[in-house]
């Protein structure tokens, strides 16, 4: 059973990042409010415990929570294999809004994310942080979200292997999963140029729990499918944010994606689902995603291909297209039963 610690002071968070230890519970401290386009964005940090592993959780919304106010719809962002949750809250001065958390906070959502085990500020272990481990991370984080918001059910948005984590979590705890957005998702991986290339290192992933993730590798996320679909400045900003955590990340999700697909069984995903694919994304073919889509049991489902985008839709020059389809899906009116 998970234990939970409230927010630590920022000094303690920075000093303790990545060492796998968390101090005793301390009073919550809210991050300084930031003003973006005239809207005050409030943020706060929390810690969950998965056994002995500390997990860092981050939250953004417009205005601090007030006693007695109605809760807002919650959206939980789930990161992928090679970067932490920084990808959802990126600051790129002079290049417009890149923080999808800021954007959806302005839409009226209570936005949450986390660093999975062995990523970002969360604890370091000897594990490989595979999809199953990510599901346990999300279970621990969900208890914090429920406690802080009073919402027993919330939306999940995952990108790449983050979509696999979100889908696997929705199978494990369907009562917690409201609407699901799977971006850069893969089902069986058949015909995927990215996974075919990645599988050349399968023996390494089986025998090593960590792999090198340097600045060039981060750049390749935005260039491997079609250069020009993401701004170079934004990719460099992400690399700057990520390299503070070192040049190693876990192999677990790479192993799952090259040897263990499918890890999300469509017939067991009961929630409404939005599948989002970048036009040039090499992680999954249209046929692979169509097969998954057609097996989903919930009639409330959509499959959208975004033009002029590749693998990372959150980093795309055309990221506003992603915001638009996601917001529309998450705010769909309740259908009239017929």
Protein backbone atom coordinates (compact mmCIF):
# COMPACT_ATOMS: atom_id res chain seq x y z
CA UNK A 1 0.00 0.00 0.00
CA UNK A 2 1.33 3.44 -0.94
CA UNK A 3 2.12 6.12 1.61
CA UNK A 4 1.99 9.76 0.67
CA UNK A 5 3.98 12.83 1.61
CA UNK A 6 2.81 16.34 0.95
CA UNK A 7 4.87 18.92 -0.83
CA UNK A 8 8.49 19.42 0.16
CA UNK A 9 10.18 22.82 0.02
CA UNK A 10 11.75 23.52 -3.36
CA UNK A 11 15.26 23.43 -1.84
CA UNK A 12 14.64 19.91 -0.54
CA UNK A 13 13.21 18.79 -3.87
CA UNK A 14 16.26 19.96 -5.80
CA UNK A 15 18.74 18.63 -3.30
CA UNK A 16 17.02 15.26 -3.04
CA UNK A 17 16.27 14.75 -6.72
CA UNK A 18 17.17 11.31 -7.92
CA UNK A 19 18.61 9.91 -4.69
CA UNK A 20 15.60 7.74 -3.85
CA UNK A 21 14.95 9.28 -0.42
CA UNK A 22 12.19 11.52 0.87
CA UNK A 23 12.13 13.35 4.18
CA UNK A 24 9.18 13.17 6.54
CA UNK A 25 5.98 14.97 5.69
CA UNK A 26 6.28 18.74 5.81
CA UNK A 27 3.69 21.49 5.39
CA UNK A 28 2.67 22.22 1.83
CA UNK A 29 4.27 25.18 0.11
CA UNK A 30 2.78 26.56 -3.09
CA UNK A 31 5.07 27.55 -5.94
CA UNK A 32 5.07 31.22 -6.81
CA UNK A 33 2.18 32.08 -9.11
CA UNK A 34 3.08 32.91 -12.69
CA UNK A 35 1.11 35.32 -14.84
CA UNK A 36 0.64 34.07 -18.39
CA UNK A 37 -1.46 36.06 -20.88
CA UNK A 38 -3.15 37.79 -17.97
CA UNK A 39 -4.17 34.55 -16.25
CA UNK A 40 -2.64 33.63 -12.94
CA UNK A 41 -1.35 30.09 -13.15
CA UNK A 42 -0.96 28.47 -9.73
CA UNK A 43 1.28 25.45 -9.27
CA UNK A 44 2.17 23.04 -6.51
CA UNK A 45 4.41 20.02 -6.01
CA UNK A 46 3.59 16.80 -4.16
CA UNK A 47 5.22 13.49 -3.35
CA UNK A 48 3.73 10.00 -3.46
CA UNK A 49 5.39 6.82 -2.25
CA UNK A 50 5.35 3.54 -4.18
CA UNK A 51 6.71 1.29 -1.48
CA UNK A 52 10.04 2.95 -0.70
CA UNK A 53 10.22 4.83 -4.02
CA UNK A 54 9.44 8.57 -3.88
CA UNK A 55 7.48 9.86 -6.86
CA UNK A 56 7.37 13.55 -7.75
CA UNK A 57 4.00 14.99 -8.78
CA UNK A 58 3.25 18.42 -10.21
CA UNK A 59 0.00 20.36 -10.55
CA UNK A 60 -1.12 23.51 -12.39
CA UNK A 61 -4.42 25.34 -12.56
CA UNK A 62 -5.73 28.89 -12.79
CA UNK A 63 -5.87 30.17 -9.22
CA UNK A 64 -5.13 28.35 -5.99
CA UNK A 65 -7.78 25.92 -4.69
CA UNK A 66 -10.22 27.47 -2.25
CA UNK A 67 -12.20 25.68 0.45
CA UNK A 68 -15.73 24.84 -0.63
CA UNK A 69 -15.28 25.63 -4.32
CA UNK A 70 -16.45 23.08 -6.93
CA UNK A 71 -13.73 20.79 -8.20
CA UNK A 72 -12.55 21.19 -11.77
CA UNK A 73 -12.16 18.41 -14.33
CA UNK A 74 -8.77 16.77 -13.82
CA UNK A 75 -6.40 15.84 -16.63
CA UNK A 76 -3.30 13.79 -15.84
CA UNK A 77 -0.41 13.96 -18.34
CA UNK A 78 1.75 10.83 -18.68
CA UNK A 79 5.26 11.13 -20.15
CA UNK A 80 7.11 8.73 -22.43
CA UNK A 81 10.35 6.77 -22.57
CA UNK A 82 13.10 9.32 -23.12
CA UNK A 83 11.99 12.48 -21.34
CA UNK A 84 10.34 13.37 -18.05
CA UNK A 85 7.19 15.37 -17.38
CA UNK A 86 9.10 18.54 -18.34
CA UNK A 87 7.81 17.95 -21.87
CA UNK A 88 4.33 19.01 -20.70
CA UNK A 89 5.44 22.27 -19.07
CA UNK A 90 8.11 23.61 -21.39
CA UNK A 91 9.08 27.29 -21.43
CA UNK A 92 10.42 28.56 -24.78
CA UNK A 93 10.75 32.36 -24.51
CA UNK A 94 9.86 34.23 -27.66
CA UNK A 95 8.27 31.24 -29.37
CA UNK A 96 4.74 31.19 -27.99
CA UNK A 97 3.15 28.83 -25.51
CA UNK A 98 4.69 25.37 -25.25
CA UNK A 99 3.29 24.35 -21.87
CA UNK A 100 0.29 22.15 -22.55
CA UNK A 101 -0.36 22.29 -18.79
CA UNK A 102 -0.65 26.09 -18.92
CA UNK A 103 -2.92 25.89 -21.94
CA UNK A 104 -5.31 23.36 -20.43
CA UNK A 105 -5.28 25.19 -17.09
CA UNK A 106 -6.65 28.19 -18.99
CA UNK A 107 -9.33 25.96 -20.49
CA UNK A 108 -10.54 25.28 -16.95
CA UNK A 109 -8.81 21.98 -16.21
CA UNK A 110 -6.93 20.99 -13.06
CA UNK A 111 -3.70 19.73 -14.65
CA UNK A 112 -1.45 17.07 -13.08
CA UNK A 113 1.63 15.15 -14.12
CA UNK A 114 4.43 13.11 -12.55
CA UNK A 115 7.97 11.86 -13.07
CA UNK A 116 7.93 8.08 -13.24
CA UNK A 117 10.40 5.96 -11.28
CA UNK A 118 13.98 6.62 -12.48
CA UNK A 119 12.96 9.83 -14.30
CA UNK A 120 13.30 13.49 -13.40
CA UNK A 121 12.95 14.25 -9.71
CA UNK A 122 11.52 10.87 -8.75
CA UNK A 123 13.53 8.22 -6.90
CA UNK A 124 16.22 6.09 -8.52
CA UNK A 125 16.15 2.31 -8.22
CA UNK A 126 17.80 -0.65 -9.92
CA UNK A 127 14.62 -1.36 -11.92
CA UNK A 128 14.03 -0.71 -15.62
CA UNK A 129 10.78 1.30 -15.16
CA UNK A 130 8.71 -0.74 -17.61
CA UNK A 131 5.04 -0.24 -18.41
CA UNK A 132 3.90 -2.37 -15.45
CA UNK A 133 6.03 -0.23 -13.13
CA UNK A 134 4.46 2.88 -14.64
CA UNK A 135 0.99 1.56 -13.85
CA UNK A 136 1.99 1.22 -10.19
CA UNK A 137 3.34 4.78 -10.29
CA UNK A 138 -0.01 6.03 -11.57
CA UNK A 139 -1.88 4.11 -8.89
CA UNK A 140 0.17 5.89 -6.22
CA UNK A 141 -0.26 9.28 -7.87
CA UNK A 142 -4.00 8.79 -8.27
CA UNK A 143 -4.41 8.62 -4.49
CA UNK A 144 -2.81 12.06 -4.17
CA UNK A 145 -5.03 13.51 -6.91
CA UNK A 146 -8.15 12.08 -5.28
CA UNK A 147 -7.15 13.44 -1.88
CA UNK A 148 -6.37 16.93 -3.19
CA UNK A 149 -9.25 17.37 -5.65
CA UNK A 150 -12.02 15.16 -4.32
CA UNK A 151 -12.38 13.72 -7.83
CA UNK A 152 -12.51 9.91 -7.91
CA UNK A 153 -12.22 9.80 -11.71
CA UNK A 154 -10.15 11.84 -14.15
CA UNK A 155 -8.90 12.15 -17.72
CA UNK A 156 -5.51 10.80 -18.79
CA UNK A 157 -3.36 12.03 -21.66
CA UNK A 158 -0.28 9.99 -22.53
CA UNK A 159 2.26 10.48 -25.28
CA UNK A 160 4.26 7.61 -26.83
CA UNK A 161 5.01 5.03 -24.12
CA UNK A 162 3.12 7.38 -21.80
CA UNK A 163 0.02 6.44 -23.79
CA UNK A 164 0.86 2.79 -23.14
CA UNK A 165 1.20 3.53 -19.42
CA UNK A 166 -2.13 5.37 -19.42
CA UNK A 167 -3.86 2.58 -21.33
CA UNK A 168 -2.47 -0.14 -19.07
CA UNK A 169 -3.54 1.88 -16.03
CA UNK A 170 -7.05 2.24 -17.46
CA UNK A 171 -7.21 -1.56 -17.75
CA UNK A 172 -6.04 -1.98 -14.16
CA UNK A 173 -8.24 0.70 -12.55
CA UNK A 174 -11.12 1.43 -14.96
CA UNK A 175 -13.09 3.10 -12.17
CA UNK A 176 -10.48 5.90 -12.08
CA UNK A 177 -10.25 6.49 -15.85
CA UNK A 178 -12.61 9.00 -17.43
CA UNK A 179 -11.71 10.02 -21.01
CA UNK A 180 -8.38 8.89 -22.46
CA UNK A 181 -6.13 10.60 -25.01
CA UNK A 182 -3.46 8.39 -26.56
CA UNK A 183 -0.94 10.39 -28.60
CA UNK A 184 1.87 8.71 -30.57
CA UNK A 185 0.44 5.36 -29.46
CA UNK A 186 1.39 1.94 -30.81
CA UNK A 187 -0.62 -1.26 -30.61
CA UNK A 188 1.23 -4.26 -32.05
CA UNK A 189 3.99 -2.24 -33.67
CA UNK A 190 3.70 -4.09 -36.97
CA UNK A 191 5.30 -2.17 -39.83
CA UNK A 192 6.71 0.53 -37.54
CA UNK A 193 10.04 1.87 -38.89
CA UNK A 194 10.93 3.31 -35.47
CA UNK A 195 10.36 0.05 -33.60
CA UNK A 196 12.06 -2.01 -36.31
CA UNK A 197 15.17 0.13 -35.90
CA UNK A 198 14.92 0.06 -32.12
CA UNK A 199 14.62 -3.73 -32.06
CA UNK A 200 18.22 -3.96 -33.31
CA UNK A 201 19.19 -3.19 -29.69
CA UNK A 202 16.81 -5.71 -28.14
CA UNK A 203 19.59 -7.81 -26.61
CA UNK A 204 20.92 -4.68 -24.90
CA UNK A 205 17.51 -3.80 -23.48
CA UNK A 206 17.15 -7.31 -22.11
CA UNK A 207 20.52 -7.17 -20.36
CA UNK A 208 20.64 -3.53 -19.21
CA UNK A 209 18.18 -1.52 -17.14
CA UNK A 210 19.50 1.87 -18.27
CA UNK A 211 20.43 3.35 -21.65
CA UNK A 212 22.16 6.51 -22.80
CA UNK A 213 19.91 9.48 -23.48
CA UNK A 214 22.07 12.46 -24.42
CA UNK A 215 21.24 15.77 -26.09
CA UNK A 216 21.49 14.30 -29.58
CA UNK A 217 19.03 11.55 -28.68
CA UNK A 218 16.53 14.16 -27.42
CA UNK A 219 16.95 16.09 -30.67
CA UNK A 220 16.24 12.93 -32.64
CA UNK A 221 12.75 12.65 -31.12
CA UNK A 222 11.74 15.67 -33.19
CA UNK A 223 13.81 14.95 -36.30
CA UNK A 224 13.81 11.19 -36.92
CA UNK A 225 10.49 11.11 -38.82
CA UNK A 226 10.40 14.44 -40.62
CA UNK A 227 12.73 17.34 -39.77
CA UNK A 228 10.99 20.69 -39.61
CA UNK A 229 7.83 19.54 -37.85
CA UNK A 230 9.17 20.92 -34.55
CA UNK A 231 11.06 24.13 -33.84
CA UNK A 232 14.74 23.61 -33.11
CA UNK A 233 14.56 26.14 -30.26
CA UNK A 234 11.84 24.14 -28.50
CA UNK A 235 13.77 20.89 -28.81
CA UNK A 236 16.88 22.57 -27.38
CA UNK A 237 14.80 23.94 -24.50
CA UNK A 238 13.59 20.42 -23.74
CA UNK A 239 17.16 19.11 -23.86
CA UNK A 240 18.25 21.85 -21.44
CA UNK A 241 15.45 20.89 -19.05
CA UNK A 242 16.23 17.17 -19.28
CA UNK A 243 20.03 17.12 -19.11
CA UNK A 244 19.97 18.35 -15.51
CA UNK A 245 18.85 14.80 -14.66
CA UNK A 246 21.76 13.13 -16.45
CA UNK A 247 22.24 11.23 -19.68
CA UNK A 248 20.73 7.89 -18.61
CA UNK A 249 17.11 6.72 -18.71
CA UNK A 250 15.49 3.31 -18.16
CA UNK A 251 15.18 0.65 -20.87
CA UNK A 252 11.91 -0.88 -19.65
CA UNK A 253 9.49 0.82 -22.03
CA UNK A 254 11.84 0.24 -24.99
CA UNK A 255 11.93 -3.45 -24.10
CA UNK A 256 8.15 -3.59 -23.87
CA UNK A 257 7.72 -1.80 -27.19
CA UNK A 258 10.15 -4.06 -29.06
CA UNK A 259 9.42 -7.43 -27.44
CA UNK A 260 6.16 -7.39 -25.49
CA UNK A 261 3.50 -5.67 -27.60
CA UNK A 262 0.60 -5.45 -27.27
CA UNK A 263 0.68 -4.26 -23.67
CA UNK A 264 -2.68 -2.49 -23.98
CA UNK A 265 -5.59 -4.77 -24.89
CA UNK A 266 -8.28 -2.67 -26.61
CA UNK A 267 -11.14 -4.89 -25.48
CA UNK A 268 -10.18 -4.14 -21.85
CA UNK A 269 -10.12 -0.35 -22.27
CA UNK A 270 -13.65 0.65 -21.30
CA UNK A 271 -13.32 4.44 -21.33
CA UNK A 272 -13.90 6.77 -24.28
CA UNK A 273 -10.66 7.03 -26.27
CA UNK A 274 -9.13 9.63 -28.58
CA UNK A 275 -6.26 8.23 -30.69
CA UNK A 276 -4.01 10.98 -32.04
CA UNK A 277 -1.35 10.26 -34.67
CA UNK A 278 1.05 12.71 -36.25
CA UNK A 279 0.96 12.51 -40.03
CA UNK A 280 4.61 11.45 -40.22
CA UNK A 281 4.90 9.44 -36.99
CA UNK A 282 7.03 6.32 -37.45
CA UNK A 283 6.10 4.66 -34.16
CA UNK A 284 2.91 3.11 -35.57
CA UNK A 285 1.26 2.69 -38.95
CA UNK A 286 -2.28 3.84 -39.63
CA UNK A 287 -3.27 0.17 -40.07
CA UNK A 288 -1.87 -0.71 -36.62
CA UNK A 289 -3.89 2.04 -34.97
CA UNK A 290 -7.02 1.29 -36.96
CA UNK A 291 -6.92 -2.30 -35.71
CA UNK A 292 -6.74 -1.06 -32.12
CA UNK A 293 -9.45 1.54 -32.72
CA UNK A 294 -11.88 -0.96 -34.23
CA UNK A 295 -11.58 -3.28 -31.23
CA UNK A 296 -12.38 -0.65 -28.60
CA UNK A 297 -15.69 -1.55 -26.92
CA UNK A 298 -16.83 2.02 -26.18
CA UNK A 299 -18.66 3.65 -29.07
CA UNK A 300 -17.44 7.04 -27.84
CA UNK A 301 -14.09 7.00 -29.65
CA UNK A 302 -12.21 9.05 -32.21
CA UNK A 303 -9.11 8.57 -34.36
CA UNK A 304 -7.46 11.79 -35.57
CA UNK A 305 -4.40 12.26 -37.79
CA UNK A 306 -2.76 15.68 -37.39
CA UNK A 307 -1.23 17.14 -40.57
CA UNK A 308 2.27 18.56 -40.48
CA UNK A 309 3.22 16.74 -37.27
CA UNK A 310 5.40 13.73 -36.49
CA UNK A 311 6.02 11.71 -33.32
CA UNK A 312 5.89 14.36 -30.59
CA UNK A 313 2.66 16.30 -30.99
CA UNK A 314 3.30 18.23 -27.77
CA UNK A 315 6.51 19.65 -29.28
CA UNK A 316 5.12 20.15 -32.78
CA UNK A 317 5.11 23.46 -34.54
CA UNK A 318 1.44 22.63 -35.15
CA UNK A 319 0.82 21.72 -31.50
CA UNK A 320 -2.29 23.94 -31.47
CA UNK A 321 -3.98 21.28 -33.62
CA UNK A 322 -3.33 18.78 -30.83
CA UNK A 323 -4.71 21.15 -28.22
CA UNK A 324 -7.84 21.69 -30.32
CA UNK A 325 -8.78 18.04 -30.89
CA UNK A 326 -7.96 17.12 -27.29
CA UNK A 327 -9.99 19.93 -25.80
CA UNK A 328 -12.94 19.11 -28.07
CA UNK A 329 -12.83 15.46 -27.04
CA UNK A 330 -12.53 16.17 -23.32
CA UNK A 331 -15.43 18.63 -23.37
CA UNK A 332 -17.85 16.54 -25.46
CA UNK A 333 -21.45 16.96 -24.29
CA UNK A 334 -22.92 13.90 -22.60
CA UNK A 335 -24.76 11.98 -25.33
CA UNK A 336 -28.48 11.41 -25.03
CA UNK A 337 -29.16 7.73 -24.50
CA UNK A 338 -31.06 6.16 -27.38
